[in-house]
């Protein structure tokens, strides 16, 4: 009788589990990628910026306060997001080299979801397209919808409607003539509707895709939206510029590099200087600096409004309760601090990113975590959140699932993160802990003793005013021991002729 009772209990348990599995819908995923967005947001404590929609997203889930990219430039950072492998694993540190030149059979994040029954759609900038690089057809169930990164509404922003340098870069047009092409405006204030620029059109299309998904409740959707602002040029409808008083923006207190930093470690805005109205070298006029800071804020608010439209539609369609929402910035941005502009460094302002996850039934609303996280953690985290098997894929996955942190905000899964940036023949590998950052600059494969070192203490010197490596050999030794737990960086792979685009998952080979 006892055995019969045990049998019935097991049978009931198995049947209950089956019913639960049958009744539980696989979650949709809304992954929002934002170009050049640093944590200058209300939910991160900024009192100037107007970002009400990102702020309300943060109230739905968890805000990560110590999140970092793995390289502060578009293509390598996005490769990391989509492959789960660091730039040092792929050997790709530039804009033009396609990730499949390193791992031809890599299974991207969206491919992995597609293999388990999700429909993956991409709108806007997910992979970096431009500078000779191209889209990855295999990562989408339907063709990816590309949008402009450099997008002007006013004819006076270009030279007699000629294609500008940055437009050519991002459209893979006339790349061998870049230096001979005119420079477009660095910013634009136009009294135009939101969809006169790319982010408005991306939101328009996202709303249509969500409505279509509502009509297919048995097919979960992985929708990746790549908003392009606040990427240069700072073009946004006038009403978003009008949210701010230009005079309210102050210039950074320190406008010189850290004392004792290697001369090659900083950069002073090469990307910005491809635009008209900016001097090709030397300091930027203070008036221009203030305008650029104003423009950055205006384009953040413009992008934020487009996100708000998408969130409103998600709620209206009653899809929110079964949708994992993730917002991620591909890297930070220098706004004149240390005299630097744009990204392209190993410093804090270029590498710290906004990162928010709202996962119904898992994340506590309005929670935040100080756990160290990095972009490579997103791949395993989304897979585990969606209930997928642990990925077994051709490429090396370098990240750690953040599910323990999502469940318990005070939990941690690692004591440091790793990021990297090249300068000429040198590669700077950086370890960031809660308190310190160590940067080791050397040739790939060169002996450790050949390296130049940078060390910053964010408890005593949050503004990175002085390289402390020579003064703190004990700390340097401890951090280099952490760095040594990671494989030596892979040598850079140079861009070759672009490989033929791979077909989507399940497409006919005919």
Protein backbone atom coordinates (compact mmCIF):
# COMPACT_ATOMS: atom_id res chain seq x y z
CA UNK A 1 0.00 0.00 0.00
CA UNK A 2 2.87 2.34 0.83
CA UNK A 3 4.53 1.68 -2.54
CA UNK A 4 1.20 2.31 -4.30
CA UNK A 5 0.85 5.65 -2.44
CA UNK A 6 4.39 6.67 -3.46
CA UNK A 7 3.60 5.72 -7.07
CA UNK A 8 0.45 7.87 -7.07
CA UNK A 9 2.35 10.80 -5.57
CA UNK A 10 5.04 10.58 -8.24
CA UNK A 11 2.44 10.25 -10.97
CA UNK A 12 0.56 13.32 -9.69
CA UNK A 13 3.81 15.31 -9.43
CA UNK A 14 4.81 14.44 -13.00
CA UNK A 15 1.32 15.21 -14.32
CA UNK A 16 1.23 18.55 -12.46
CA UNK A 17 4.63 19.44 -13.89
CA UNK A 18 3.40 18.57 -17.38
CA UNK A 19 0.31 20.73 -16.96
CA UNK A 20 2.43 23.64 -15.69
CA UNK A 21 4.81 23.32 -18.64
CA UNK A 22 1.89 23.16 -21.06
CA UNK A 23 0.20 26.20 -19.54
CA UNK A 24 3.31 28.35 -19.19
CA UNK A 25 3.94 30.37 -22.34
CA UNK A 26 7.48 30.82 -23.51
CA UNK A 27 8.40 34.47 -22.89
CA UNK A 28 8.91 37.05 -25.57
CA UNK A 29 12.21 38.95 -25.45
CA UNK A 30 12.50 42.66 -26.20
CA UNK A 31 16.20 43.54 -26.37
CA UNK A 32 16.85 47.26 -26.68
CA UNK A 33 20.35 48.23 -27.83
CA UNK A 34 21.25 51.92 -27.64
CA UNK A 35 24.25 53.39 -29.42
CA UNK A 36 26.74 55.49 -27.40
CA UNK A 37 24.45 55.70 -24.35
CA UNK A 38 26.26 56.28 -21.07
CA UNK A 39 24.46 56.17 -17.69
CA UNK A 40 23.49 59.86 -17.94
CA UNK A 41 19.91 58.96 -17.02
CA UNK A 42 17.46 59.89 -14.32
CA UNK A 43 17.34 56.34 -12.96
CA UNK A 44 21.12 56.51 -12.49
CA UNK A 45 20.89 59.70 -10.48
CA UNK A 46 21.40 62.36 -13.15
CA UNK A 47 19.29 65.43 -12.34
CA UNK A 48 19.58 67.21 -15.67
CA UNK A 49 18.65 64.68 -18.34
CA UNK A 50 15.03 64.01 -19.27
CA UNK A 51 14.72 60.22 -19.59
CA UNK A 52 11.27 59.34 -18.19
CA UNK A 53 10.78 56.16 -20.21
CA UNK A 54 14.09 54.51 -19.41
CA UNK A 55 13.42 55.53 -15.81
CA UNK A 56 10.03 53.80 -15.81
CA UNK A 57 11.61 50.70 -17.36
CA UNK A 58 14.07 50.66 -14.46
CA UNK A 59 11.10 50.75 -12.07
CA UNK A 60 9.80 47.56 -13.71
CA UNK A 61 12.91 45.54 -13.02
CA UNK A 62 16.57 45.67 -12.00
CA UNK A 63 19.12 48.41 -12.69
CA UNK A 64 22.75 47.32 -12.73
CA UNK A 65 25.00 50.04 -11.32
CA UNK A 66 28.39 48.50 -12.16
CA UNK A 67 27.89 47.26 -15.71
CA UNK A 68 30.69 47.50 -18.29
CA UNK A 69 31.17 46.85 -21.98
CA UNK A 70 34.05 44.65 -23.14
CA UNK A 71 35.39 47.21 -25.61
CA UNK A 72 34.37 50.81 -26.03
CA UNK A 73 33.63 50.82 -29.75
CA UNK A 74 30.59 49.66 -31.68
CA UNK A 75 31.45 46.52 -33.67
CA UNK A 76 33.51 44.63 -31.06
CA UNK A 77 31.01 45.50 -28.32
CA UNK A 78 28.08 44.24 -30.40
CA UNK A 79 30.01 41.12 -31.42
CA UNK A 80 30.39 40.43 -27.71
CA UNK A 81 26.67 40.89 -27.10
CA UNK A 82 25.62 38.59 -29.92
CA UNK A 83 28.30 35.87 -29.66
CA UNK A 84 28.96 35.88 -25.90
CA UNK A 85 32.71 35.99 -26.61
CA UNK A 86 35.07 38.80 -25.61
CA UNK A 87 37.06 40.73 -28.23
CA UNK A 88 40.18 39.07 -26.81
CA UNK A 89 38.62 35.67 -27.59
CA UNK A 90 37.54 36.62 -31.10
CA UNK A 91 40.64 38.64 -31.94
CA UNK A 92 38.48 41.42 -33.36
CA UNK A 93 39.14 44.94 -32.10
CA UNK A 94 38.12 47.07 -35.10
CA UNK A 95 34.98 48.14 -36.94
CA UNK A 96 35.47 46.43 -40.29
CA UNK A 97 36.17 42.79 -39.42
CA UNK A 98 33.12 40.51 -39.41
CA UNK A 99 32.92 38.17 -36.43
CA UNK A 100 32.49 35.13 -38.70
CA UNK A 101 36.07 35.59 -39.88
CA UNK A 102 37.03 34.46 -36.39
CA UNK A 103 34.32 31.85 -35.70
CA UNK A 104 32.55 30.99 -38.99
CA UNK A 105 30.03 28.66 -37.34
CA UNK A 106 29.31 30.80 -34.28
CA UNK A 107 25.74 30.52 -33.00
CA UNK A 108 24.61 34.01 -32.12
CA UNK A 109 22.24 34.82 -29.28
CA UNK A 110 19.25 35.16 -31.59
CA UNK A 111 20.24 32.04 -33.55
CA UNK A 112 20.20 30.06 -30.32
CA UNK A 113 16.70 31.27 -29.53
CA UNK A 114 15.61 30.49 -33.10
CA UNK A 115 16.80 26.92 -32.68
CA UNK A 116 14.45 26.59 -29.73
CA UNK A 117 11.35 27.93 -31.47
CA UNK A 118 11.60 31.73 -31.17
CA UNK A 119 11.05 34.08 -34.10
CA UNK A 120 13.95 36.54 -34.15
CA UNK A 121 13.54 39.95 -35.75
CA UNK A 122 15.98 42.84 -35.81
CA UNK A 123 15.32 46.52 -36.47
CA UNK A 124 17.98 49.22 -36.51
CA UNK A 125 21.55 48.85 -35.29
CA UNK A 126 22.24 45.48 -33.65
CA UNK A 127 25.39 44.34 -35.42
CA UNK A 128 27.69 47.08 -36.68
CA UNK A 129 27.03 47.65 -40.38
CA UNK A 130 29.52 49.95 -42.07
CA UNK A 131 33.28 50.49 -42.37
CA UNK A 132 33.30 47.37 -44.56
CA UNK A 133 31.30 45.25 -42.10
CA UNK A 134 27.85 43.84 -42.86
CA UNK A 135 24.70 42.32 -41.41
CA UNK A 136 24.46 38.65 -40.37
CA UNK A 137 21.49 37.09 -42.14
CA UNK A 138 21.72 33.84 -40.16
CA UNK A 139 20.83 35.68 -36.95
CA UNK A 140 17.29 36.58 -38.03
CA UNK A 141 14.14 34.69 -38.97
CA UNK A 142 13.28 37.41 -41.48
CA UNK A 143 15.61 39.92 -43.15
CA UNK A 144 16.97 42.50 -40.73
CA UNK A 145 15.57 46.01 -41.22
CA UNK A 146 18.49 48.43 -41.48
CA UNK A 147 18.22 52.12 -40.59
CA UNK A 148 20.58 55.03 -41.02
CA UNK A 149 23.03 55.93 -38.28
CA UNK A 150 23.97 59.25 -39.87
CA UNK A 151 20.67 60.88 -40.78
CA UNK A 152 20.04 64.54 -41.62
CA UNK A 153 16.73 66.35 -42.18
CA UNK A 154 18.11 69.72 -43.34
CA UNK A 155 19.95 70.18 -46.65
CA UNK A 156 22.37 72.70 -45.13
CA UNK A 157 23.79 69.97 -42.88
CA UNK A 158 25.59 68.46 -45.86
CA UNK A 159 27.64 69.99 -48.66
CA UNK A 160 25.18 70.39 -51.54
CA UNK A 161 23.65 66.98 -50.84
CA UNK A 162 26.95 65.22 -51.41
CA UNK A 163 27.51 62.07 -49.37
CA UNK A 164 29.53 62.96 -46.28
CA UNK A 165 32.43 61.07 -44.72
CA UNK A 166 30.43 59.44 -41.95
CA UNK A 167 27.49 58.64 -44.24
CA UNK A 168 29.94 56.86 -46.54
CA UNK A 169 31.44 54.88 -43.66
CA UNK A 170 28.06 53.65 -42.43
CA UNK A 171 26.70 52.85 -45.89
CA UNK A 172 29.88 51.07 -47.07
CA UNK A 173 30.08 53.54 -49.94
CA UNK A 174 33.23 55.08 -51.44
CA UNK A 175 35.34 53.87 -48.52
CA UNK A 176 38.54 54.43 -50.49
CA UNK A 177 37.65 58.13 -50.91
CA UNK A 178 36.77 59.03 -47.32
CA UNK A 179 39.42 61.73 -46.89
CA UNK A 180 38.19 63.49 -50.02
CA UNK A 181 34.52 63.59 -49.04
CA UNK A 182 32.92 66.59 -47.29
CA UNK A 183 32.22 66.60 -43.57
CA UNK A 184 28.58 66.71 -42.43
CA UNK A 185 27.24 68.75 -39.52
CA UNK A 186 28.02 67.48 -36.00
CA UNK A 187 24.51 68.38 -34.83
CA UNK A 188 21.18 69.47 -36.25
CA UNK A 189 18.14 71.23 -34.75
CA UNK A 190 15.18 70.69 -37.07
CA UNK A 191 11.49 71.36 -36.52
CA UNK A 192 10.43 67.98 -37.87
CA UNK A 193 8.35 65.01 -36.69
CA UNK A 194 10.03 62.20 -34.75
CA UNK A 195 10.08 59.82 -37.70
CA UNK A 196 12.07 62.26 -39.79
CA UNK A 197 15.03 60.54 -38.12
CA UNK A 198 15.86 56.85 -37.82
CA UNK A 199 14.84 56.24 -34.19
CA UNK A 200 11.29 57.42 -34.87
CA UNK A 201 11.02 55.03 -37.81
CA UNK A 202 12.49 52.20 -35.72
CA UNK A 203 9.79 52.76 -33.10
CA UNK A 204 7.10 52.87 -35.83
CA UNK A 205 8.22 49.49 -37.16
CA UNK A 206 8.62 47.98 -33.69
CA UNK A 207 4.99 48.80 -32.93
CA UNK A 208 3.89 47.00 -36.11
CA UNK A 209 6.01 43.95 -35.22
CA UNK A 210 4.51 43.79 -31.72
CA UNK A 211 0.99 43.92 -33.15
CA UNK A 212 1.87 41.06 -35.51
CA UNK A 213 3.28 39.07 -32.59
CA UNK A 214 0.02 39.52 -30.70
CA UNK A 215 -1.70 37.62 -33.50
CA UNK A 216 0.73 34.67 -33.10
CA UNK A 217 0.49 33.79 -29.39
CA UNK A 218 2.03 30.34 -29.89
CA UNK A 219 5.22 31.68 -31.49
CA UNK A 220 7.42 33.59 -29.02
CA UNK A 221 9.17 36.66 -30.39
CA UNK A 222 12.74 37.82 -29.84
CA UNK A 223 12.64 41.43 -31.03
CA UNK A 224 15.95 43.31 -31.08
CA UNK A 225 15.66 47.09 -31.44
CA UNK A 226 18.79 49.08 -32.16
CA UNK A 227 18.21 52.77 -31.46
CA UNK A 228 21.01 54.88 -32.94
CA UNK A 229 20.89 58.02 -30.81
CA UNK A 230 22.75 59.52 -29.02
CA UNK A 231 25.36 58.50 -31.64
CA UNK A 232 26.84 61.39 -33.63
CA UNK A 233 25.68 63.49 -35.36
CA UNK A 234 23.48 64.92 -32.60
CA UNK A 235 20.36 65.30 -34.75
CA UNK A 236 16.97 65.44 -33.04
CA UNK A 237 13.69 67.29 -33.52
CA UNK A 238 13.75 70.80 -32.08
CA UNK A 239 11.31 69.98 -29.28
CA UNK A 240 13.93 67.74 -27.64
CA UNK A 241 16.56 70.46 -27.78
CA UNK A 242 13.97 72.78 -26.23
CA UNK A 243 13.75 70.54 -23.15
CA UNK A 244 17.04 72.06 -22.00
CA UNK A 245 18.53 75.47 -21.42
CA UNK A 246 21.89 75.45 -23.12
CA UNK A 247 23.41 77.57 -20.37
CA UNK A 248 22.60 74.95 -17.74
CA UNK A 249 25.38 72.73 -19.03
CA UNK A 250 28.74 73.21 -17.36
CA UNK A 251 32.02 71.99 -18.78
CA UNK A 252 34.03 69.26 -17.01
CA UNK A 253 36.33 70.45 -14.24
CA UNK A 254 39.27 68.40 -15.47
CA UNK A 255 40.09 68.68 -19.15
CA UNK A 256 43.52 67.08 -19.20
CA UNK A 257 44.50 63.38 -19.19
CA UNK A 258 45.36 61.58 -15.94
CA UNK A 259 48.78 62.50 -14.58
CA UNK A 260 51.31 59.82 -15.42
CA UNK A 261 49.14 58.06 -18.02
CA UNK A 262 50.94 56.76 -21.12
CA UNK A 263 50.85 59.40 -23.84
CA UNK A 264 48.98 57.06 -26.19
CA UNK A 265 46.26 55.98 -23.71
CA UNK A 266 43.89 58.98 -24.14
CA UNK A 267 42.21 60.07 -27.37
CA UNK A 268 40.81 63.47 -28.22
CA UNK A 269 37.81 62.88 -30.44
CA UNK A 270 38.98 61.60 -33.82
CA UNK A 271 35.42 60.48 -34.61
CA UNK A 272 33.97 63.89 -33.71
CA UNK A 273 36.55 65.66 -35.86
CA UNK A 274 35.16 63.95 -38.96
CA UNK A 275 32.25 66.39 -38.69
CA UNK A 276 32.06 69.97 -39.95
CA UNK A 277 32.54 72.81 -37.49
CA UNK A 278 35.03 70.94 -35.31
CA UNK A 279 38.74 71.73 -35.45
CA UNK A 280 40.79 68.86 -36.86
CA UNK A 281 43.08 69.00 -33.83
CA UNK A 282 43.53 70.94 -30.61
CA UNK A 283 41.01 72.00 -27.98
CA UNK A 284 37.39 72.53 -28.91
CA UNK A 285 36.02 76.05 -28.32
CA UNK A 286 34.05 76.19 -25.08
CA UNK A 287 30.95 77.37 -26.89
CA UNK A 288 31.07 74.32 -29.14
CA UNK A 289 31.67 72.01 -26.17
CA UNK A 290 28.55 73.31 -24.46
CA UNK A 291 26.51 72.86 -27.65
CA UNK A 292 27.72 69.27 -28.03
CA UNK A 293 26.82 68.44 -24.44
CA UNK A 294 23.39 69.99 -25.07
CA UNK A 295 23.07 67.89 -28.23
CA UNK A 296 23.95 64.68 -26.42
CA UNK A 297 21.19 65.30 -23.89
CA UNK A 298 18.66 66.24 -26.59
CA UNK A 299 19.31 63.05 -28.55
CA UNK A 300 19.06 60.93 -25.38
CA UNK A 301 15.63 62.45 -24.73
CA UNK A 302 14.60 61.89 -28.35
CA UNK A 303 15.58 58.20 -28.19
CA UNK A 304 13.90 57.88 -24.79
CA UNK A 305 10.61 59.13 -26.25
CA UNK A 306 10.75 56.48 -28.99
CA UNK A 307 11.35 53.78 -26.39
CA UNK A 308 8.33 55.09 -24.51
CA UNK A 309 6.12 54.58 -27.57
CA UNK A 310 7.27 50.95 -27.82
CA UNK A 311 6.67 50.29 -24.11
CA UNK A 312 3.22 51.88 -24.35
CA UNK A 313 2.29 49.53 -27.19
CA UNK A 314 3.67 46.51 -25.36
CA UNK A 315 1.40 47.41 -22.43
CA UNK A 316 -1.61 48.16 -24.62
CA UNK A 317 -1.30 44.75 -26.27
CA UNK A 318 -1.06 43.12 -22.83
CA UNK A 319 2.26 41.51 -23.74
CA UNK A 320 4.29 42.96 -20.87
CA UNK A 321 3.55 40.19 -18.37
CA UNK A 322 5.14 37.62 -20.67
CA UNK A 323 8.04 39.66 -22.06
CA UNK A 324 11.61 39.87 -20.81
CA UNK A 325 12.84 43.41 -21.48
CA UNK A 326 16.52 44.24 -21.58
CA UNK A 327 18.07 47.66 -22.20
CA UNK A 328 21.81 47.86 -22.90
CA UNK A 329 24.17 50.61 -24.01
CA UNK A 330 27.01 49.38 -26.23
CA UNK A 331 29.56 51.60 -24.43
CA UNK A 332 29.87 54.93 -22.69
CA UNK A 333 30.99 58.30 -24.08
CA UNK A 334 33.43 61.03 -23.12
CA UNK A 335 31.82 64.47 -22.98
CA UNK A 336 34.97 66.55 -22.63
CA UNK A 337 36.20 64.96 -19.41
CA UNK A 338 40.01 64.74 -19.44
CA UNK A 339 39.81 66.67 -22.72
CA UNK A 340 38.41 63.54 -24.39
CA UNK A 341 35.38 63.08 -26.64
CA UNK A 342 33.56 60.01 -27.99
CA UNK A 343 34.54 56.51 -26.80
CA UNK A 344 37.70 54.57 -27.80
CA UNK A 345 39.50 54.44 -24.41
CA UNK A 346 39.96 52.17 -21.40
CA UNK A 347 38.69 54.84 -18.99
CA UNK A 348 35.53 54.77 -16.88
CA UNK A 349 33.43 57.19 -18.92
CA UNK A 350 33.90 55.11 -22.08
CA UNK A 351 33.34 51.68 -20.54
CA UNK A 352 30.59 51.98 -17.94
CA UNK A 353 27.17 51.35 -19.47
CA UNK A 354 23.48 51.44 -18.55
CA UNK A 355 22.02 47.96 -18.16
CA UNK A 356 18.44 47.17 -17.09
CA UNK A 357 16.51 43.88 -17.06
CA UNK A 358 12.80 43.51 -16.35
CA UNK A 359 11.88 39.83 -16.14
CA UNK A 360 8.31 39.17 -14.91
CA UNK A 361 8.26 36.73 -12.03
CA UNK A 362 12.01 37.00 -11.47
CA UNK A 363 13.11 40.60 -10.97
CA UNK A 364 11.75 42.71 -8.17
CA UNK A 365 10.30 45.99 -9.39
CA UNK A 366 12.54 48.99 -8.77
CA UNK A 367 15.49 46.88 -7.62
CA UNK A 368 19.13 47.62 -8.30
CA UNK A 369 22.41 45.78 -7.94
CA UNK A 370 26.01 46.84 -7.42
CA UNK A 371 27.28 43.48 -8.70
CA UNK A 372 29.97 43.74 -11.36
CA UNK A 373 28.57 42.74 -14.74
CA UNK A 374 29.79 42.86 -18.33
CA UNK A 375 28.28 42.51 -21.79
CA UNK A 376 29.34 38.86 -22.19
CA UNK A 377 26.97 37.97 -19.33
CA UNK A 378 23.89 38.80 -21.40
CA UNK A 379 23.96 35.70 -23.65
CA UNK A 380 23.85 33.10 -20.83
CA UNK A 381 21.50 35.27 -18.75
CA UNK A 382 18.80 35.56 -21.40
CA UNK A 383 19.06 31.85 -22.22
CA UNK A 384 18.56 30.88 -18.57
CA UNK A 385 15.76 33.40 -18.05
CA UNK A 386 13.89 31.93 -21.02
CA UNK A 387 14.33 28.39 -19.74
CA UNK A 388 16.64 27.28 -22.57
CA UNK A 389 19.28 24.55 -22.16
CA UNK A 390 22.77 25.72 -21.28
CA UNK A 391 24.29 26.71 -24.63
CA UNK A 392 26.74 24.30 -26.22
CA UNK A 393 27.96 26.29 -29.21
CA UNK A 394 31.09 26.42 -31.41
CA UNK A 395 32.39 29.68 -29.95
CA UNK A 396 33.73 30.07 -26.43
CA UNK A 397 31.17 31.71 -24.13
CA UNK A 398 32.99 34.00 -21.72
CA UNK A 399 30.09 35.24 -19.59
CA UNK A 400 28.24 34.16 -16.47
CA UNK A 401 24.48 34.03 -16.02
CA UNK A 402 23.19 36.84 -13.83
CA UNK A 403 20.11 34.93 -12.72
CA UNK A 404 21.39 34.66 -9.10
CA UNK A 405 21.68 38.46 -9.02
CA UNK A 406 18.28 38.98 -10.64
CA UNK A 407 16.74 36.87 -7.89
CA UNK A 408 18.81 38.34 -5.05
CA UNK A 409 20.08 41.87 -5.76
CA UNK A 410 22.86 41.63 -3.15
CA UNK A 411 24.33 38.53 -4.76
CA UNK A 412 27.47 38.62 -6.92
CA UNK A 413 28.78 36.25 -9.59
CA UNK A 414 32.28 37.69 -10.18
CA UNK A 415 34.86 39.93 -8.53
CA UNK A 416 36.06 41.71 -11.66
CA UNK A 417 35.24 42.42 -15.30
CA UNK A 418 37.56 42.60 -18.30
CA UNK A 419 37.65 45.12 -21.13
CA UNK A 420 40.16 46.06 -23.80
CA UNK A 421 41.19 48.71 -26.30
CA UNK A 422 44.01 48.81 -28.88
CA UNK A 423 46.41 51.68 -29.52
CA UNK A 424 48.54 51.13 -32.58
CA UNK A 425 50.41 47.85 -32.11
CA UNK A 426 49.66 47.74 -28.38
CA UNK A 427 46.62 46.20 -26.75
CA UNK A 428 45.38 47.55 -23.44
CA UNK A 429 43.71 44.84 -21.36
CA UNK A 430 41.90 46.24 -18.34
CA UNK A 431 40.69 44.64 -15.12
CA UNK A 432 37.94 46.55 -13.28
CA UNK A 433 37.12 45.57 -9.70
CA UNK A 434 34.77 47.33 -7.30
CA UNK A 435 37.58 49.71 -6.31
CA UNK A 436 40.32 49.61 -8.93
CA UNK A 437 41.09 49.53 -12.63
CA UNK A 438 44.40 48.18 -13.92
CA UNK A 439 45.32 48.60 -17.59
CA UNK A 440 48.17 46.53 -19.01
CA UNK A 441 49.47 47.88 -22.32
CA UNK A 442 51.70 45.62 -24.42
CA UNK A 443 52.04 43.80 -27.71
CA UNK A 444 49.91 40.65 -27.88
CA UNK A 445 52.11 37.75 -26.78
CA UNK A 446 54.91 39.99 -25.47
CA UNK A 447 56.34 39.25 -22.01
CA UNK A 448 54.52 40.76 -19.04
CA UNK A 449 57.55 42.82 -18.00
CA UNK A 450 57.37 44.77 -21.29
CA UNK A 451 54.00 46.30 -20.36
CA UNK A 452 53.13 49.87 -19.49
CA UNK A 453 50.66 49.99 -16.61
CA UNK A 454 47.87 52.25 -15.44
CA UNK A 455 46.18 51.96 -12.04
CA UNK A 456 43.24 54.01 -10.76
CA UNK A 457 41.68 53.94 -7.31
CA UNK A 458 37.98 54.92 -7.55
CA UNK A 459 37.55 55.12 -3.80
CA UNK A 460 40.24 57.78 -3.35
CA UNK A 461 40.29 59.24 -6.87
CA UNK A 462 36.94 58.74 -8.64
CA UNK A 463 37.90 61.31 -11.27
CA UNK A 464 40.91 59.31 -12.54
CA UNK A 465 43.29 62.21 -12.02
CA UNK A 466 46.50 60.20 -11.46
CA UNK A 467 48.01 56.92 -12.61
CA UNK A 468 48.98 55.20 -9.34
CA UNK A 469 50.70 52.09 -10.76
CA UNK A 470 54.21 53.06 -9.64
CA UNK A 471 53.02 53.91 -6.12
CA UNK A 472 51.02 50.73 -5.46
CA UNK A 473 53.05 47.64 -6.49
CA UNK A 474 51.08 45.38 -4.15
CA UNK A 475 47.73 46.28 -5.72
CA UNK A 476 49.25 46.01 -9.19
CA UNK A 477 50.50 42.52 -8.40
CA UNK A 478 47.08 41.42 -7.13
CA UNK A 479 45.27 42.76 -10.19
CA UNK A 480 47.80 41.31 -12.63
CA UNK A 481 47.22 37.93 -10.97
CA UNK A 482 43.50 38.37 -11.78
CA UNK A 483 44.38 39.30 -15.35
CA UNK A 484 46.53 36.18 -15.62
CA UNK A 485 43.46 34.01 -14.99
CA UNK A 486 42.27 35.04 -18.46
CA UNK A 487 43.88 33.65 -21.63
CA UNK A 488 46.30 35.87 -23.49
CA UNK A 489 44.42 38.00 -26.02
CA UNK A 490 44.04 36.57 -29.50
CA UNK A 491 46.09 38.38 -32.12
CA UNK A 492 44.09 40.87 -34.19
CA UNK A 493 42.28 39.47 -37.21
CA UNK A 494 42.36 41.89 -40.10
CA UNK A 495 39.29 42.48 -42.25
CA UNK A 496 39.23 40.53 -45.49
CA UNK A 497 36.71 40.49 -48.29
CA UNK A 498 33.38 40.09 -46.56
CA UNK A 499 32.22 36.47 -46.47
CA UNK A 500 28.94 35.71 -48.21
CA UNK A 501 25.97 36.44 -45.94
CA UNK A 502 24.74 33.28 -44.27
CA UNK A 503 21.09 32.31 -44.74
CA UNK A 504 18.62 32.48 -41.85
CA UNK A 505 18.08 29.41 -39.68
CA UNK A 506 16.01 26.81 -41.48
CA UNK A 507 16.22 28.54 -44.85
CA UNK A 508 16.36 26.39 -47.97
CA UNK A 509 19.88 25.66 -49.25
CA UNK A 510 18.71 25.66 -52.86
